[in-house]
Amino acid sequence: MYAVIETGSKQYKVAKDDIILIERLEAKDGKTLNLRNVLLIKEGNSVHVGSPYLKGAGVTCEVLAEVRGDKLIAYKYKKRKSSKKKIGHRQNLLKLKVKTIEINSKE
């Protein structure tokens, strides 16, 4: 069983006991976080697809830690202008462990 969720305008394919990195949300370490923007759930041979989201479906995750992503370098250069700029950026991320995937069986 797996689900496709949306958070931070990105989509993630998750299954039980997966560890994922998402954009930081307001959550404390060790707490649970419910993600309700579920786009698709595949369970055995059946596929449940939302339009855009499945009603009553959710993914429960445990917050493991707040981490920083890898450094990304943005380099801007203009030829013949003696202009160059190097900028580094590290994104704040939330490390989650997927506990359960729930689906509303009435659909």
Protein backbone atom coordinates (compact mmCIF):
# COMPACT_ATOMS: atom_id res chain seq x y z
CA MET A 1 0.00 0.00 0.00
CA TYR A 2 1.29 3.43 -0.91
CA ALA A 3 -0.03 6.97 -1.19
CA VAL A 4 0.83 10.11 -3.13
CA ILE A 5 0.62 13.20 -0.93
CA GLU A 6 1.07 16.90 -1.59
CA THR A 7 2.81 19.29 0.77
CA GLY A 8 4.76 22.47 0.09
CA SER A 9 3.49 22.35 -3.57
CA LYS A 10 5.48 19.15 -4.08
CA GLN A 11 4.24 15.58 -4.42
CA TYR A 12 5.70 12.59 -2.57
CA LYS A 13 5.09 8.86 -2.96
CA VAL A 14 5.07 7.35 0.54
CA ALA A 15 4.55 3.91 2.06
CA LYS A 16 4.47 2.72 5.67
CA ASP A 17 7.79 3.17 7.55
CA ASP A 18 9.25 5.46 4.84
CA ILE A 19 11.39 8.39 5.95
CA ILE A 20 10.85 11.55 3.91
CA LEU A 21 12.18 15.12 3.91
CA ILE A 22 9.59 17.83 3.31
CA GLU A 23 9.63 21.61 3.56
CA ARG A 24 9.46 22.71 7.18
CA LEU A 25 6.07 22.89 8.88
CA GLU A 26 5.20 23.98 12.42
CA ALA A 27 5.76 20.75 14.35
CA LYS A 28 7.84 19.63 17.34
CA ASP A 29 10.19 16.65 17.50
CA GLY A 30 8.50 13.40 18.57
CA LYS A 31 4.97 14.65 17.83
CA THR A 32 2.63 13.25 15.18
CA LEU A 33 1.65 15.14 12.06
CA ASN A 34 -1.43 14.42 9.93
CA LEU A 35 -1.10 15.16 6.22
CA ARG A 36 -4.56 15.45 4.67
CA ASN A 37 -3.70 16.40 1.05
CA VAL A 38 -3.77 12.84 -0.32
CA LEU A 39 -3.97 12.65 -4.11
CA LEU A 40 -3.91 8.87 -4.64
CA ILE A 41 -3.87 5.65 -2.64
CA LYS A 42 -3.03 2.23 -4.10
CA GLU A 43 -4.16 -0.67 -1.95
CA GLY A 44 -3.64 -4.14 -3.45
CA ASN A 45 -5.36 -4.12 -6.85
CA SER A 46 -7.58 -1.11 -6.11
CA VAL A 47 -6.58 2.48 -6.82
CA HIS A 48 -8.37 5.43 -5.20
CA VAL A 49 -7.87 8.74 -7.01
CA GLY A 50 -9.03 12.10 -5.67
CA SER A 51 -10.17 15.15 -7.58
CA PRO A 52 -7.92 16.79 -6.47
CA TYR A 53 -7.82 15.25 -2.95
CA LEU A 54 -9.36 12.14 -1.42
CA LYS A 55 -12.00 12.98 1.20
CA GLY A 56 -11.42 11.36 4.57
CA ALA A 57 -7.97 10.07 3.65
CA GLY A 58 -4.80 10.97 5.48
CA VAL A 59 -1.23 10.02 6.24
CA THR A 60 -0.02 10.04 9.85
CA CYS A 61 3.67 10.76 10.33
CA GLU A 62 6.03 11.05 13.28
CA VAL A 63 8.34 14.07 13.34
CA LEU A 64 11.93 12.86 13.70
CA ALA A 65 13.91 16.10 13.42
CA GLU A 66 14.34 19.48 11.78
CA VAL A 67 17.32 19.37 9.44
CA ARG A 68 19.05 21.56 6.88
CA GLY A 69 19.25 20.49 3.26
CA ASP A 70 22.35 20.41 1.07
CA LYS A 71 23.80 23.73 0.02
CA LEU A 72 22.61 24.91 -3.39
CA ILE A 73 24.76 27.39 -5.30
CA ALA A 74 23.24 30.08 -7.52
CA TYR A 75 25.82 31.80 -9.72
CA LYS A 76 24.86 34.85 -11.76
CA TYR A 77 27.18 36.22 -14.42
CA LYS A 78 26.87 38.91 -17.07
CA LYS A 79 29.43 38.84 -19.84
CA ARG A 80 31.49 41.94 -20.58
CA LYS A 81 29.98 43.75 -17.56
CA SER A 82 32.46 42.64 -14.87
CA SER A 83 29.44 41.43 -12.92
CA LYS A 84 29.27 38.11 -11.09
CA LYS A 85 27.45 37.00 -7.97
CA LYS A 86 27.68 33.72 -6.06
CA ILE A 87 24.89 32.94 -3.59
CA GLY A 88 24.52 29.82 -1.41
CA HIS A 89 21.24 28.61 0.07
CA ARG A 90 20.28 25.83 2.51
CA GLN A 91 16.60 24.93 2.92
CA ASN A 92 15.08 24.09 6.31
CA LEU A 93 13.49 20.63 6.11
CA LEU A 94 11.39 18.38 8.31
CA LYS A 95 12.32 14.70 8.60
CA LEU A 96 9.21 12.49 8.91
CA LYS A 97 8.58 8.78 9.37
CA VAL A 98 5.29 7.52 7.89
CA LYS A 99 3.28 5.59 10.50
CA THR A 100 -0.11 4.86 8.89
CA ILE A 101 -2.05 5.51 5.70
CA GLU A 102 -5.81 5.87 6.27
CA ILE A 103 -8.53 5.78 3.65
CA ASN A 104 -12.25 6.42 3.93
CA SER A 105 -13.83 3.14 2.79
CA LYS A 106 -17.17 4.80 1.89
CA GLU A 107 -15.89 6.08 -1.46
